[in-house]
Protein backbone atom coordinates (compact mmCIF):
# COMPACT_ATOMS: atom_id res chain seq x y z
CA MET A 1 -77.81 115.00 33.58
CA ARG A 2 -76.14 115.39 30.24
CA ILE A 3 -73.64 112.74 29.26
CA PRO A 4 -70.46 114.09 27.69
CA HIS A 5 -69.89 112.72 24.19
CA SER A 6 -66.45 111.51 25.28
CA TRP A 7 -68.12 109.03 27.65
CA ILE A 8 -70.09 107.29 24.90
CA PRO A 9 -67.44 104.65 24.06
CA ILE A 10 -66.99 103.79 27.75
CA ILE A 11 -70.73 103.53 28.38
CA SER A 12 -71.20 101.48 25.20
CA LYS A 13 -68.49 99.03 26.24
CA ASN A 14 -70.11 98.62 29.67
CA ILE A 15 -73.58 98.12 28.21
CA ALA A 16 -72.38 95.53 25.72
CA GLY A 17 -70.36 93.74 28.39
CA ASN A 18 -73.28 93.63 30.82
CA LEU A 19 -75.73 92.41 28.20
CA ILE A 20 -73.43 89.55 27.27
CA THR A 21 -72.21 88.71 30.79
CA LYS A 22 -75.73 88.60 32.19
CA ARG A 23 -76.81 86.52 29.19
CA LEU A 24 -79.52 89.01 28.27
CA ILE A 25 -78.52 88.67 24.63
CA GLU A 26 -76.63 86.33 22.38
CA PRO A 27 -74.92 88.63 19.92
CA GLN A 28 -75.19 87.68 16.25
CA VAL A 29 -72.35 90.06 15.42
CA SER A 30 -68.88 90.65 16.85
CA ILE A 31 -68.58 92.43 20.18
CA ASP A 32 -66.89 95.34 18.42
CA LYS A 33 -69.84 95.73 16.04
CA LEU A 34 -72.25 95.52 18.96
CA LYS A 35 -70.34 98.24 20.85
CA GLN A 36 -70.28 100.41 17.74
CA ARG A 37 -74.04 100.04 17.26
CA ILE A 38 -74.65 101.00 20.90
CA GLU A 39 -72.34 104.02 20.44
CA ASP A 40 -74.31 105.06 17.35
CA VAL A 41 -77.62 104.88 19.20
CA LEU A 42 -76.32 106.85 22.19
CA PHE A 43 -74.71 109.46 19.96
CA ASN A 44 -77.92 109.90 17.95
CA GLU A 45 -79.95 110.34 21.13
CA LEU A 46 -77.53 112.92 22.53
CA SER A 47 -77.46 114.72 19.19
CA GLU A 48 -81.26 114.89 19.20
CA GLU A 49 -81.19 116.67 22.54
CA ASP A 50 -78.46 119.01 21.28
CA ARG A 51 -80.64 119.93 18.28
CA LEU A 52 -83.59 120.55 20.60
CA ASN A 53 -81.44 122.78 22.82
CA ASP A 54 -80.32 124.75 19.76
CA GLU A 55 -83.93 125.20 18.70
CA VAL A 56 -84.91 126.46 22.17
CA ARG A 57 -82.03 128.96 22.08
CA GLU A 58 -83.24 130.23 18.69
CA ILE A 59 -86.79 130.61 19.98
CA LEU A 60 -85.64 132.52 23.05
CA LYS A 61 -83.31 134.68 20.96
CA GLY A 62 -86.44 136.19 19.41
CA TYR A 63 -87.59 137.26 22.87
CA GLN A 64 -84.19 138.39 24.17
CA GLY A 65 -85.18 142.05 24.49
CA GLU A 66 -88.33 141.22 26.41
CA ILE A 67 -86.46 138.75 28.64
CA GLU A 68 -83.89 141.39 29.55
CA LYS A 69 -86.47 144.18 29.88
CA LYS A 70 -88.59 142.19 32.34
CA GLY A 71 -85.60 140.64 34.13
CA LEU A 72 -86.80 137.10 33.48
CA ASP A 73 -84.73 134.07 34.40
CA TYR A 74 -83.30 132.74 31.11
CA LYS A 75 -82.57 129.28 32.57
CA LYS A 76 -86.15 128.85 33.77
CA LEU A 77 -87.53 130.02 30.43
CA PHE A 78 -85.15 127.67 28.63
CA ASP A 79 -86.25 124.69 30.74
CA MET A 80 -89.96 125.55 30.39
CA THR A 81 -89.67 125.96 26.62
CA LYS A 82 -87.73 122.73 26.28
CA ARG A 83 -90.28 120.80 28.38
CA LYS A 84 -93.10 122.23 26.26
CA LEU A 85 -91.45 121.13 23.01
CA ILE A 86 -90.70 117.70 24.46
CA LYS A 87 -94.33 117.27 25.46
CA GLU A 88 -95.72 118.59 22.16
CA ARG A 89 -93.46 116.32 20.10
CA ASN A 90 -93.57 113.28 22.39
CA ILE A 91 -89.80 113.23 22.63
CA VAL A 92 -88.16 110.93 25.16
CA ILE A 93 -85.01 112.36 26.72
């Protein structure tokens, strides 16, 4: 499931709060800086998947005529192509 970008601050706040409350970490920076760092990491990860999705769309755009001609399922082709790129590049999503 994709996480909407608007949820990132909420998720970051919860992660930071849980890490501190459960004493899994002792922050060496302010809580606000910790939340911001978590937001940055989550945003970068989501952006990586967005870039991958864009790349898959570009690849499939080159085969658009063939996809339409043969009546292939674009969603299935998209998912298969994405999985292949993830496996080839050892991407964790």
